[in-house]
N, C-alpha and C. Protein backbone atom coordinates (compact mmCIF):
# COMPACT_ATOMS: atom_id res chain seq x y z
N UNK A 1 0.85 -1.18 0.00
CA UNK A 1 0.00 0.00 0.00
C UNK A 1 0.89 1.24 0.00
N UNK A 2 0.67 2.12 -0.96
CA UNK A 2 1.52 3.30 -1.13
C UNK A 2 1.31 4.32 -0.02
N UNK A 3 2.40 4.94 0.41
CA UNK A 3 2.32 5.93 1.49
C UNK A 3 1.74 7.24 0.98
N UNK A 4 1.01 7.90 1.85
CA UNK A 4 0.48 9.23 1.56
C UNK A 4 1.49 10.27 2.01
N UNK A 5 1.56 11.37 1.31
CA UNK A 5 2.55 12.41 1.63
C UNK A 5 1.91 13.54 2.43
N UNK A 6 2.67 14.04 3.40
CA UNK A 6 2.19 15.13 4.24
C UNK A 6 3.38 15.99 4.65
N UNK A 7 3.17 17.30 4.63
CA UNK A 7 4.24 18.25 4.98
C UNK A 7 3.95 18.90 6.33
N UNK A 8 4.99 18.99 7.16
CA UNK A 8 4.87 19.63 8.47
C UNK A 8 6.00 20.64 8.63
N UNK A 9 5.84 21.49 9.63
CA UNK A 9 6.87 22.47 9.97
C UNK A 9 7.18 22.36 11.45
N UNK A 10 8.44 22.63 11.84
CA UNK A 10 8.79 22.62 13.26
C UNK A 10 7.88 23.57 14.04
N UNK A 11 7.58 23.19 15.28
CA UNK A 11 6.66 24.00 16.09
C UNK A 11 7.37 24.49 17.35
N UNK A 12 7.29 25.82 17.56
CA UNK A 12 7.87 26.42 18.76
C UNK A 12 6.81 26.64 19.83
N UNK A 13 5.56 26.75 19.40
CA UNK A 13 4.46 27.02 20.34
C UNK A 13 4.05 25.72 21.02
N UNK A 14 3.99 25.73 22.35
CA UNK A 14 3.60 24.53 23.11
C UNK A 14 2.63 24.93 24.21
N UNK A 15 2.12 23.93 24.92
CA UNK A 15 1.21 24.20 26.02
C UNK A 15 -0.12 24.77 25.55
N UNK A 16 -0.70 25.61 26.38
CA UNK A 16 -2.02 26.16 26.09
C UNK A 16 -2.01 27.12 24.89
N UNK A 17 -0.84 27.58 24.55
CA UNK A 17 -0.76 28.55 23.44
C UNK A 17 -1.05 27.91 22.09
N UNK A 18 -1.12 26.57 22.04
CA UNK A 18 -1.41 25.92 20.75
C UNK A 18 -2.81 26.27 20.26
N UNK A 19 -3.65 26.79 21.17
CA UNK A 19 -4.98 27.22 20.76
C UNK A 19 -4.89 28.27 19.66
N UNK A 20 -3.87 29.13 19.76
CA UNK A 20 -3.68 30.17 18.74
C UNK A 20 -3.34 29.55 17.38
N UNK A 21 -2.60 28.43 17.40
CA UNK A 21 -2.27 27.76 16.15
C UNK A 21 -3.54 27.28 15.44
N UNK A 22 -4.42 26.68 16.21
CA UNK A 22 -5.66 26.15 15.62
C UNK A 22 -6.48 27.28 15.00
N UNK A 23 -6.45 28.44 15.63
CA UNK A 23 -7.18 29.59 15.09
C UNK A 23 -6.58 30.07 13.77
N UNK A 24 -5.31 29.71 13.55
CA UNK A 24 -4.63 30.09 12.30
C UNK A 24 -4.73 28.99 11.24
N UNK A 25 -5.51 27.94 11.52
CA UNK A 25 -5.67 26.85 10.56
C UNK A 25 -4.54 25.84 10.61
N UNK A 26 -3.86 25.75 11.76
CA UNK A 26 -2.77 24.79 11.94
C UNK A 26 -3.12 23.81 13.05
N UNK A 27 -2.62 22.58 12.94
CA UNK A 27 -2.88 21.56 13.95
C UNK A 27 -1.55 21.15 14.58
N UNK A 28 -1.44 21.20 15.91
CA UNK A 28 -0.22 20.77 16.57
C UNK A 28 -0.09 19.25 16.53
N UNK A 29 1.13 18.77 16.39
CA UNK A 29 1.37 17.33 16.34
C UNK A 29 2.72 17.02 16.95
N UNK A 30 2.95 15.74 17.22
CA UNK A 30 4.22 15.26 17.78
C UNK A 30 4.72 14.11 16.91
N UNK A 31 6.00 14.12 16.61
CA UNK A 31 6.63 13.00 15.92
C UNK A 31 7.51 12.28 16.93
N UNK A 32 7.31 10.97 17.07
CA UNK A 32 8.09 10.22 18.04
C UNK A 32 8.38 8.83 17.48
N UNK A 33 9.20 8.08 18.17
CA UNK A 33 9.53 6.74 17.74
C UNK A 33 10.52 6.11 18.69
N UNK A 34 10.81 4.84 18.47
CA UNK A 34 11.74 4.14 19.34
C UNK A 34 13.13 4.77 19.21
N UNK A 35 13.65 5.23 20.33
CA UNK A 35 14.98 5.84 20.33
C UNK A 35 14.99 7.28 19.85
N UNK A 36 13.81 7.85 19.60
CA UNK A 36 13.72 9.23 19.13
C UNK A 36 13.09 10.11 20.19
N UNK A 37 13.60 11.33 20.29
CA UNK A 37 13.00 12.30 21.19
C UNK A 37 11.81 12.95 20.48
N UNK A 38 10.71 13.12 21.20
CA UNK A 38 9.52 13.69 20.59
C UNK A 38 9.78 15.06 19.99
N UNK A 39 9.34 15.26 18.75
CA UNK A 39 9.55 16.54 18.07
C UNK A 39 8.20 17.21 17.81
N UNK A 40 7.96 18.40 18.37
CA UNK A 40 6.70 19.10 18.11
C UNK A 40 6.69 19.72 16.71
N UNK A 41 5.60 19.52 15.98
CA UNK A 41 5.45 20.10 14.65
C UNK A 41 4.05 20.67 14.51
N UNK A 42 3.84 21.39 13.43
CA UNK A 42 2.51 21.93 13.11
C UNK A 42 2.21 21.64 11.65
N UNK A 43 0.93 21.37 11.38
CA UNK A 43 0.52 20.94 10.04
C UNK A 43 -0.71 21.71 9.60
N UNK A 44 -0.76 22.06 8.33
CA UNK A 44 -1.93 22.73 7.79
C UNK A 44 -3.16 21.85 8.02
N UNK A 45 -4.21 22.42 8.60
CA UNK A 45 -5.39 21.64 8.99
C UNK A 45 -6.06 20.97 7.79
N UNK A 46 -6.16 21.66 6.67
CA UNK A 46 -6.83 21.09 5.50
C UNK A 46 -6.04 19.92 4.94
N UNK A 47 -4.73 20.07 4.86
CA UNK A 47 -3.88 18.99 4.35
C UNK A 47 -3.93 17.79 5.27
N UNK A 48 -3.91 18.04 6.58
CA UNK A 48 -3.96 16.96 7.56
C UNK A 48 -5.28 16.20 7.46
N UNK A 49 -6.36 16.94 7.35
CA UNK A 49 -7.68 16.31 7.24
C UNK A 49 -7.76 15.43 6.01
N UNK A 50 -7.28 15.93 4.91
CA UNK A 50 -7.32 15.16 3.65
C UNK A 50 -6.56 13.84 3.78
N UNK A 51 -5.39 13.89 4.42
CA UNK A 51 -4.56 12.68 4.54
C UNK A 51 -5.13 11.72 5.58
N UNK A 52 -5.49 12.23 6.76
CA UNK A 52 -5.98 11.35 7.82
C UNK A 52 -7.31 10.70 7.48
N UNK A 53 -8.15 11.40 6.73
CA UNK A 53 -9.43 10.81 6.33
C UNK A 53 -9.20 9.58 5.45
N UNK A 54 -8.08 9.54 4.75
CA UNK A 54 -7.76 8.39 3.91
C UNK A 54 -6.91 7.36 4.66
N UNK A 55 -5.97 7.83 5.46
CA UNK A 55 -5.00 6.93 6.08
C UNK A 55 -5.47 6.31 7.38
N UNK A 56 -6.27 7.05 8.16
CA UNK A 56 -6.62 6.55 9.48
C UNK A 56 -5.36 6.26 10.27
N UNK A 57 -5.35 5.13 10.97
CA UNK A 57 -4.16 4.75 11.74
C UNK A 57 -3.47 3.52 11.14
N UNK A 58 -3.88 3.14 9.90
CA UNK A 58 -3.35 1.89 9.34
C UNK A 58 -2.64 2.07 8.00
N UNK A 59 -2.50 3.30 7.51
CA UNK A 59 -1.78 3.50 6.26
C UNK A 59 -0.56 4.39 6.50
N UNK A 60 0.55 4.02 5.86
CA UNK A 60 1.78 4.78 6.02
C UNK A 60 1.64 6.21 5.51
N UNK A 61 2.23 7.14 6.25
CA UNK A 61 2.26 8.55 5.88
C UNK A 61 3.71 8.99 5.79
N UNK A 62 4.13 9.43 4.61
CA UNK A 62 5.49 9.95 4.44
C UNK A 62 5.48 11.40 4.91
N UNK A 63 5.97 11.62 6.11
CA UNK A 63 5.90 12.93 6.74
C UNK A 63 7.22 13.68 6.54
N UNK A 64 7.15 14.82 5.87
CA UNK A 64 8.33 15.63 5.58
C UNK A 64 8.29 16.89 6.44
N UNK A 65 9.33 17.09 7.24
CA UNK A 65 9.40 18.26 8.12
C UNK A 65 10.48 19.20 7.59
N UNK A 66 10.05 20.38 7.16
CA UNK A 66 11.00 21.36 6.64
C UNK A 66 11.81 20.80 5.49
N UNK A 67 13.13 20.91 5.58
CA UNK A 67 14.03 20.42 4.53
C UNK A 67 14.53 19.00 4.77
N UNK A 68 14.02 18.35 5.80
CA UNK A 68 14.45 16.99 6.11
C UNK A 68 13.86 15.99 5.12
N UNK A 69 14.49 14.84 5.04
CA UNK A 69 13.94 13.77 4.20
C UNK A 69 12.66 13.24 4.84
N UNK A 70 11.70 12.81 4.04
CA UNK A 70 10.44 12.26 4.58
C UNK A 70 10.72 11.03 5.45
N UNK A 71 9.92 10.88 6.50
CA UNK A 71 10.02 9.70 7.35
C UNK A 71 8.69 8.96 7.32
N UNK A 72 8.75 7.64 7.26
CA UNK A 72 7.54 6.84 7.22
C UNK A 72 6.94 6.78 8.62
N UNK A 73 5.68 7.15 8.71
CA UNK A 73 5.02 7.21 10.01
C UNK A 73 3.63 6.60 9.95
N UNK A 74 3.08 6.32 11.12
CA UNK A 74 1.68 5.95 11.28
C UNK A 74 1.05 6.92 12.27
N UNK A 75 -0.14 7.36 11.98
CA UNK A 75 -0.84 8.28 12.88
C UNK A 75 -1.29 7.51 14.12
N UNK A 76 -1.05 8.11 15.27
CA UNK A 76 -1.45 7.50 16.54
C UNK A 76 -2.06 8.59 17.42
N UNK A 77 -2.90 8.17 18.37
CA UNK A 77 -3.49 9.12 19.33
C UNK A 77 -4.09 10.33 18.61
N UNK A 78 -5.01 10.07 17.73
CA UNK A 78 -5.68 11.15 16.99
C UNK A 78 -6.76 11.78 17.87
N UNK A 79 -6.66 13.08 18.07
CA UNK A 79 -7.65 13.80 18.87
C UNK A 79 -8.51 14.70 17.97
N UNK A 80 -9.82 14.73 18.28
CA UNK A 80 -10.74 15.56 17.49
C UNK A 80 -11.57 16.42 18.42
N UNK A 81 -11.98 17.57 17.92
CA UNK A 81 -12.87 18.44 18.68
C UNK A 81 -14.20 17.72 18.86
N UNK A 82 -14.71 17.62 20.09
CA UNK A 82 -15.94 16.86 20.33
C UNK A 82 -17.18 17.41 19.64
N UNK A 83 -17.16 18.68 19.29
CA UNK A 83 -18.33 19.29 18.65
C UNK A 83 -18.13 19.44 17.15
N UNK A 84 -17.06 20.09 16.74
CA UNK A 84 -16.81 20.32 15.32
C UNK A 84 -16.25 19.10 14.61
N UNK A 85 -15.65 18.16 15.37
CA UNK A 85 -15.09 16.92 14.83
C UNK A 85 -13.85 17.14 13.97
N UNK A 86 -13.29 18.34 13.97
CA UNK A 86 -12.06 18.57 13.24
C UNK A 86 -10.88 18.09 14.09
N UNK A 87 -9.77 17.77 13.42
CA UNK A 87 -8.60 17.25 14.13
C UNK A 87 -7.96 18.35 14.97
N UNK A 88 -7.62 18.00 16.21
CA UNK A 88 -7.04 19.00 17.12
C UNK A 88 -5.61 18.66 17.54
N UNK A 89 -5.23 17.38 17.44
CA UNK A 89 -3.86 16.99 17.78
C UNK A 89 -3.62 15.57 17.27
N UNK A 90 -2.39 15.31 16.82
CA UNK A 90 -2.06 13.98 16.32
C UNK A 90 -0.63 13.61 16.72
N UNK A 91 -0.44 12.36 17.09
CA UNK A 91 0.91 11.83 17.30
C UNK A 91 1.27 10.98 16.08
N UNK A 92 2.48 11.17 15.56
CA UNK A 92 2.96 10.38 14.43
C UNK A 92 4.11 9.49 14.90
N UNK A 93 3.93 8.19 14.73
CA UNK A 93 4.94 7.24 15.15
C UNK A 93 5.84 6.87 13.97
N UNK A 94 7.14 7.10 14.10
CA UNK A 94 8.10 6.78 13.04
C UNK A 94 8.37 5.28 13.06
N UNK A 95 8.07 4.62 11.95
CA UNK A 95 8.23 3.17 11.89
C UNK A 95 9.59 2.80 11.28
N UNK A 96 10.01 1.59 11.57
CA UNK A 96 11.19 1.01 10.92
C UNK A 96 10.67 -0.06 9.98
N UNK A 97 11.04 0.04 8.72
CA UNK A 97 10.44 -0.81 7.70
C UNK A 97 10.75 -2.29 7.88
N UNK A 98 11.75 -2.61 8.71
CA UNK A 98 12.08 -4.02 8.95
C UNK A 98 11.56 -4.52 10.29
N UNK A 99 10.72 -3.71 10.96
CA UNK A 99 10.13 -4.12 12.24
C UNK A 99 8.61 -4.12 12.13
N UNK A 100 7.98 -5.17 12.65
CA UNK A 100 6.53 -5.29 12.55
C UNK A 100 5.82 -4.25 13.42
N UNK A 101 4.63 -3.85 12.97
CA UNK A 101 3.82 -2.88 13.70
C UNK A 101 2.41 -3.44 13.86
N UNK A 102 1.68 -2.90 14.82
CA UNK A 102 0.27 -3.25 15.00
C UNK A 102 -0.60 -2.12 14.44
N UNK A 103 -1.73 -2.48 13.90
CA UNK A 103 -2.65 -1.48 13.36
C UNK A 103 -4.07 -2.01 13.39
N UNK A 104 -5.02 -1.09 13.52
CA UNK A 104 -6.44 -1.45 13.44
C UNK A 104 -6.92 -1.21 12.03
N UNK A 105 -7.45 -2.25 11.40
CA UNK A 105 -7.84 -2.19 9.99
C UNK A 105 -9.36 -2.34 9.87
N UNK A 106 -10.00 -1.52 9.04
CA UNK A 106 -11.46 -1.62 8.87
C UNK A 106 -11.89 -2.95 8.26
N UNK A 107 -13.05 -3.43 8.69
CA UNK A 107 -13.67 -4.62 8.10
C UNK A 107 -14.81 -4.14 7.20
N UNK A 108 -14.76 -4.53 5.93
CA UNK A 108 -15.75 -4.07 4.95
C UNK A 108 -16.61 -5.26 4.51
N UNK A 109 -17.92 -5.12 4.65
CA UNK A 109 -18.84 -6.18 4.24
C UNK A 109 -19.12 -6.06 2.75
N UNK A 110 -18.97 -7.17 2.03
CA UNK A 110 -19.25 -7.19 0.59
C UNK A 110 -20.19 -8.36 0.29
N UNK A 111 -20.84 -8.28 -0.86
CA UNK A 111 -21.73 -9.35 -1.28
C UNK A 111 -23.12 -9.21 -0.67
N UNK A 112 -24.01 -10.11 -1.08
CA UNK A 112 -25.39 -10.14 -0.59
C UNK A 112 -25.68 -11.51 -0.01
N UNK A 113 -26.17 -11.54 1.21
CA UNK A 113 -26.49 -12.80 1.86
C UNK A 113 -27.85 -13.31 1.37
N UNK A 114 -27.91 -14.57 0.88
CA UNK A 114 -29.19 -15.15 0.48
C UNK A 114 -30.19 -15.18 1.64
N UNK A 115 -29.69 -15.32 2.86
CA UNK A 115 -30.58 -15.35 4.02
C UNK A 115 -31.25 -13.99 4.24
N UNK A 116 -30.57 -12.93 3.87
CA UNK A 116 -31.16 -11.59 3.96
C UNK A 116 -32.12 -11.37 2.80
N UNK A 117 -31.70 -11.77 1.61
CA UNK A 117 -32.49 -11.54 0.41
C UNK A 117 -33.75 -12.39 0.36
N UNK A 118 -33.63 -13.66 0.74
CA UNK A 118 -34.73 -14.59 0.56
C UNK A 118 -35.51 -14.91 1.83
N UNK A 119 -34.85 -14.76 2.99
CA UNK A 119 -35.50 -15.14 4.25
C UNK A 119 -35.78 -13.96 5.17
N UNK A 120 -35.55 -12.75 4.65
CA UNK A 120 -35.79 -11.52 5.42
C UNK A 120 -34.93 -11.44 6.68
N UNK A 121 -33.75 -12.10 6.63
CA UNK A 121 -32.85 -12.01 7.77
C UNK A 121 -32.28 -10.61 7.90
N UNK A 122 -31.76 -10.31 9.08
CA UNK A 122 -31.19 -8.98 9.36
C UNK A 122 -29.69 -9.14 9.58
N UNK A 123 -28.90 -8.47 8.76
CA UNK A 123 -27.44 -8.55 8.87
C UNK A 123 -26.95 -7.61 9.98
N UNK A 124 -26.27 -8.17 10.95
CA UNK A 124 -25.68 -7.36 12.02
C UNK A 124 -24.17 -7.53 11.97
N UNK A 125 -23.45 -6.43 12.20
CA UNK A 125 -21.99 -6.46 12.16
C UNK A 125 -21.45 -6.27 13.57
N UNK A 126 -20.71 -7.26 14.05
CA UNK A 126 -20.19 -7.20 15.40
C UNK A 126 -18.89 -6.41 15.51
N UNK A 127 -18.04 -6.48 14.50
CA UNK A 127 -16.77 -5.76 14.48
C UNK A 127 -16.67 -4.94 13.21
N UNK A 128 -16.25 -3.70 13.34
CA UNK A 128 -16.01 -2.89 12.16
C UNK A 128 -14.53 -2.69 11.90
N UNK A 129 -13.69 -3.26 12.80
CA UNK A 129 -12.24 -3.25 12.58
C UNK A 129 -11.59 -4.35 13.41
N UNK A 130 -10.41 -4.79 12.97
CA UNK A 130 -9.67 -5.80 13.70
C UNK A 130 -8.22 -5.37 13.81
N UNK A 131 -7.54 -5.92 14.78
CA UNK A 131 -6.13 -5.60 15.02
C UNK A 131 -5.25 -6.57 14.24
N UNK A 132 -4.26 -6.03 13.52
CA UNK A 132 -3.35 -6.88 12.76
C UNK A 132 -1.90 -6.55 13.11
N UNK A 133 -1.01 -7.43 12.69
CA UNK A 133 0.43 -7.22 12.86
C UNK A 133 1.13 -7.60 11.57
N UNK A 134 2.05 -6.75 11.13
CA UNK A 134 2.81 -7.03 9.91
C UNK A 134 3.93 -6.00 9.77
N UNK A 135 4.76 -6.18 8.76
CA UNK A 135 5.76 -5.17 8.45
C UNK A 135 5.06 -3.95 7.86
N UNK A 136 5.59 -2.75 8.07
CA UNK A 136 4.94 -1.54 7.56
C UNK A 136 4.63 -1.60 6.06
N UNK A 137 5.50 -2.20 5.29
CA UNK A 137 5.28 -2.28 3.86
C UNK A 137 4.18 -3.24 3.45
N UNK A 138 3.73 -4.08 4.40
CA UNK A 138 2.68 -5.06 4.11
C UNK A 138 1.32 -4.65 4.64
N UNK A 139 1.20 -3.43 5.16
CA UNK A 139 -0.08 -2.97 5.69
C UNK A 139 -1.15 -2.98 4.60
N UNK A 140 -2.37 -3.31 5.00
CA UNK A 140 -3.49 -3.37 4.06
C UNK A 140 -4.52 -2.31 4.41
N UNK A 141 -5.28 -1.87 3.41
CA UNK A 141 -6.25 -0.78 3.60
C UNK A 141 -7.49 -1.25 4.35
N UNK A 142 -7.89 -2.51 4.12
CA UNK A 142 -9.10 -3.03 4.75
C UNK A 142 -9.13 -4.55 4.59
N UNK A 143 -10.08 -5.18 5.27
CA UNK A 143 -10.31 -6.61 5.14
C UNK A 143 -11.76 -6.81 4.73
N UNK A 144 -11.97 -7.47 3.61
CA UNK A 144 -13.32 -7.71 3.12
C UNK A 144 -13.88 -9.00 3.71
N UNK A 145 -15.15 -8.96 4.09
CA UNK A 145 -15.84 -10.15 4.55
C UNK A 145 -17.03 -10.37 3.62
N UNK A 146 -17.02 -11.47 2.88
CA UNK A 146 -18.04 -11.77 1.89
C UNK A 146 -19.19 -12.52 2.56
N UNK A 147 -20.39 -11.93 2.54
CA UNK A 147 -21.54 -12.54 3.22
C UNK A 147 -22.41 -13.36 2.27
N UNK A 148 -21.97 -13.52 1.02
CA UNK A 148 -22.78 -14.27 0.05
C UNK A 148 -22.89 -15.75 0.39
N UNK A 149 -22.02 -16.23 1.31
CA UNK A 149 -22.09 -17.63 1.72
C UNK A 149 -23.08 -17.87 2.86
N UNK A 150 -23.63 -16.82 3.41
CA UNK A 150 -24.56 -16.95 4.55
C UNK A 150 -25.97 -17.19 4.01
N UNK A 151 -26.36 -18.46 3.96
CA UNK A 151 -27.64 -18.85 3.36
C UNK A 151 -28.73 -19.14 4.37
N UNK A 152 -28.37 -19.23 5.66
CA UNK A 152 -29.35 -19.58 6.68
C UNK A 152 -29.41 -18.52 7.78
N UNK A 153 -30.55 -18.47 8.46
CA UNK A 153 -30.70 -17.57 9.60
C UNK A 153 -29.77 -18.03 10.72
N UNK A 154 -29.26 -17.08 11.47
CA UNK A 154 -28.31 -17.32 12.58
C UNK A 154 -26.92 -17.72 12.09
N UNK A 155 -26.69 -17.71 10.78
CA UNK A 155 -25.35 -17.99 10.25
C UNK A 155 -24.40 -16.88 10.70
N UNK A 156 -23.17 -17.26 11.00
CA UNK A 156 -22.20 -16.32 11.57
C UNK A 156 -20.83 -16.47 10.91
N UNK A 157 -20.14 -15.36 10.77
CA UNK A 157 -18.75 -15.36 10.37
C UNK A 157 -17.95 -14.72 11.49
N UNK A 158 -16.86 -15.37 11.89
CA UNK A 158 -16.02 -14.86 12.97
C UNK A 158 -14.69 -14.36 12.43
N UNK A 159 -13.87 -13.84 13.31
CA UNK A 159 -12.54 -13.36 12.91
C UNK A 159 -11.75 -14.48 12.26
N UNK A 160 -11.94 -15.71 12.72
CA UNK A 160 -11.22 -16.84 12.16
C UNK A 160 -11.54 -17.07 10.69
N UNK A 161 -12.69 -16.56 10.24
CA UNK A 161 -13.10 -16.74 8.84
C UNK A 161 -12.52 -15.68 7.91
N UNK A 162 -11.91 -14.65 8.46
CA UNK A 162 -11.36 -13.58 7.63
C UNK A 162 -10.12 -14.06 6.88
N UNK A 163 -9.98 -13.57 5.68
CA UNK A 163 -8.84 -13.95 4.84
C UNK A 163 -7.93 -12.74 4.61
N UNK A 164 -6.66 -12.90 4.93
CA UNK A 164 -5.67 -11.83 4.76
C UNK A 164 -4.42 -12.44 4.11
N UNK A 165 -3.55 -11.59 3.54
CA UNK A 165 -2.29 -12.11 2.97
C UNK A 165 -1.47 -12.85 4.01
N UNK A 166 -0.60 -13.74 3.55
CA UNK A 166 0.24 -14.51 4.46
C UNK A 166 1.18 -13.64 5.28
N UNK A 167 1.45 -12.44 4.78
CA UNK A 167 2.37 -11.54 5.48
C UNK A 167 1.70 -10.80 6.63
N UNK A 168 0.38 -11.00 6.78
CA UNK A 168 -0.39 -10.29 7.80
C UNK A 168 -0.93 -11.28 8.83
N UNK A 169 -0.79 -10.93 10.11
CA UNK A 169 -1.33 -11.76 11.19
C UNK A 169 -2.44 -10.99 11.89
N UNK A 170 -3.60 -11.64 12.05
CA UNK A 170 -4.71 -11.01 12.77
C UNK A 170 -4.56 -11.30 14.26
N UNK A 171 -4.56 -10.26 15.08
CA UNK A 171 -4.37 -10.39 16.52
C UNK A 171 -5.68 -10.47 17.30
N UNK A 172 -6.78 -10.03 16.70
CA UNK A 172 -8.07 -10.03 17.39
C UNK A 172 -8.51 -11.46 17.70
N UNK A 173 -9.34 -11.61 18.71
CA UNK A 173 -9.85 -12.91 19.13
C UNK A 173 -10.51 -13.63 17.96
N UNK A 174 -10.00 -14.81 17.57
CA UNK A 174 -10.55 -15.52 16.40
C UNK A 174 -12.01 -15.91 16.56
N UNK A 175 -12.51 -15.99 17.79
CA UNK A 175 -13.90 -16.38 18.01
C UNK A 175 -14.86 -15.20 18.02
N UNK A 176 -14.34 -13.98 17.93
CA UNK A 176 -15.21 -12.80 17.93
C UNK A 176 -16.08 -12.77 16.69
N UNK A 177 -17.36 -12.44 16.88
CA UNK A 177 -18.30 -12.39 15.77
C UNK A 177 -18.08 -11.15 14.91
N UNK A 178 -17.97 -11.37 13.61
CA UNK A 178 -17.81 -10.26 12.67
C UNK A 178 -19.16 -9.87 12.08
N UNK A 179 -19.87 -10.86 11.54
CA UNK A 179 -21.23 -10.62 11.04
C UNK A 179 -22.12 -11.80 11.39
N UNK A 180 -23.42 -11.53 11.52
CA UNK A 180 -24.39 -12.59 11.83
C UNK A 180 -25.72 -12.24 11.17
N UNK A 181 -26.44 -13.27 10.72
CA UNK A 181 -27.76 -13.07 10.15
C UNK A 181 -28.80 -13.35 11.22
N UNK A 182 -29.40 -12.31 11.72
CA UNK A 182 -30.43 -12.45 12.75
C UNK A 182 -31.78 -12.79 12.10
N UNK A 183 -32.62 -13.57 12.80
CA UNK A 183 -33.96 -13.86 12.27
C UNK A 183 -34.77 -12.57 12.14
N UNK A 184 -35.73 -12.54 11.23
CA UNK A 184 -36.56 -11.33 11.09
C UNK A 184 -37.34 -11.06 12.36
N UNK A 185 -37.49 -9.82 12.70
CA UNK A 185 -38.20 -9.44 13.92
C UNK A 185 -39.70 -9.53 13.70
N UNK A 186 -40.39 -10.08 14.69
CA UNK A 186 -41.84 -10.17 14.59
C UNK A 186 -42.46 -8.80 14.78
N UNK A 187 -43.58 -8.57 14.13
CA UNK A 187 -44.26 -7.28 14.22
C UNK A 187 -44.62 -6.97 15.66
N UNK A 188 -44.95 -8.03 16.43
CA UNK A 188 -45.34 -7.82 17.83
C UNK A 188 -44.18 -7.26 18.64
N UNK A 189 -42.95 -7.74 18.35
CA UNK A 189 -41.77 -7.27 19.08
C UNK A 189 -41.51 -5.80 18.79
N UNK A 190 -41.62 -5.42 17.52
CA UNK A 190 -41.41 -4.03 17.14
C UNK A 190 -42.45 -3.14 17.81
N UNK A 191 -43.70 -3.62 17.82
CA UNK A 191 -44.79 -2.82 18.41
C UNK A 191 -44.57 -2.63 19.90
N UNK A 192 -44.09 -3.70 20.58
CA UNK A 192 -43.83 -3.60 22.02
C UNK A 192 -42.73 -2.57 22.30
N UNK A 193 -41.68 -2.56 21.48
CA UNK A 193 -40.58 -1.61 21.68
C UNK A 193 -41.07 -0.18 21.48
N UNK A 194 -41.89 0.02 20.46
CA UNK A 194 -42.44 1.35 20.21
C UNK A 194 -43.28 1.81 21.39
N UNK A 195 -44.08 0.90 21.94
CA UNK A 195 -44.92 1.25 23.09
C UNK A 195 -44.07 1.59 24.30
N UNK A 196 -42.98 0.83 24.50
CA UNK A 196 -42.09 1.10 25.64
C UNK A 196 -41.45 2.47 25.52
N UNK A 197 -40.97 2.80 24.32
CA UNK A 197 -40.35 4.11 24.10
C UNK A 197 -41.36 5.22 24.32
N UNK A 198 -42.58 5.02 23.85
CA UNK A 198 -43.62 6.05 24.00
C UNK A 198 -44.02 6.22 25.45
N UNK A 199 -43.92 5.15 26.25
CA UNK A 199 -44.34 5.21 27.64
C UNK A 199 -43.29 5.84 28.53
N UNK A 200 -42.02 5.86 28.11
CA UNK A 200 -40.96 6.40 28.95
C UNK A 200 -41.16 7.85 29.37
N UNK A 201 -41.56 8.75 28.45
CA UNK A 201 -41.79 10.14 28.87
C UNK A 201 -42.86 10.25 29.94
N UNK A 202 -43.91 9.39 29.85
CA UNK A 202 -44.98 9.43 30.83
C UNK A 202 -44.47 8.99 32.19
N UNK A 203 -43.62 7.97 32.21
CA UNK A 203 -43.07 7.48 33.47
C UNK A 203 -42.20 8.55 34.11
N UNK A 204 -41.35 9.19 33.29
CA UNK A 204 -40.49 10.24 33.80
C UNK A 204 -41.31 11.40 34.34
N UNK A 205 -42.36 11.76 33.58
CA UNK A 205 -43.22 12.85 34.01
C UNK A 205 -43.90 12.53 35.34
N UNK A 206 -44.36 11.29 35.47
CA UNK A 206 -45.03 10.89 36.70
C UNK A 206 -44.08 10.95 37.89
N UNK A 207 -42.83 10.54 37.67
CA UNK A 207 -41.85 10.59 38.75
C UNK A 207 -41.57 12.01 39.18
N UNK A 208 -41.46 12.90 38.20
CA UNK A 208 -41.21 14.31 38.52
C UNK A 208 -42.36 14.89 39.33
N UNK A 209 -43.61 14.53 38.96
CA UNK A 209 -44.76 15.03 39.69
C UNK A 209 -44.75 14.53 41.11
N UNK A 210 -44.34 13.24 41.30
CA UNK A 210 -44.28 12.69 42.65
C UNK A 210 -43.22 13.43 43.47
N UNK A 211 -42.08 13.72 42.84
CA UNK A 211 -41.01 14.42 43.55
C UNK A 211 -41.44 15.82 43.94
N UNK A 212 -42.19 16.49 43.06
CA UNK A 212 -42.65 17.84 43.37
C UNK A 212 -43.63 17.84 44.53
N UNK A 213 -44.48 16.79 44.55
CA UNK A 213 -45.46 16.70 45.64
C UNK A 213 -44.77 16.49 46.98
N UNK A 214 -43.65 15.72 46.93
CA UNK A 214 -42.91 15.49 48.18
C UNK A 214 -42.25 16.78 48.66
């Protein structure tokens, strides 16, 4: 998987003053690695967003700081504003291409389950990502799980059923459920849930009235 390119500049502003950087459209970040002292940098917010939206924490990023040669990194400890959801801080881990790394890789569902199509089953996904280990150059963008083999209700695919290249090792629990075909829900069950949700405001209101009377 080809590395994405990103440019950073050395950062002198630290501590609470980084708020001013964000107001200027810059995101504070740290570059670190085994045997390396953490280096504070700043990155254009738009460029960072474009790269991180594609790379996540599982794709190599060729990070170039000033006039230095690019270093292969993985994004770690990504922080986002809880309201605006824009990136507010990122740690970049410098990898060694001959040493294995761990990464969380998305699980992508493909195909159509006959049990869903013909038996009105409901497809539920238990995991949307799994942990893998491999050399940086062998990192993969995602793992596909084909549900076209699920022909019966309650059929399940687990982590053990996932297929990855020989150079990649899956670390997640092999017995963890990835996808399952649930039986169709009875109309009575749906109606009961709707009634319960509708009754909750009345129960809360009644409790408040009792508390006020006390």
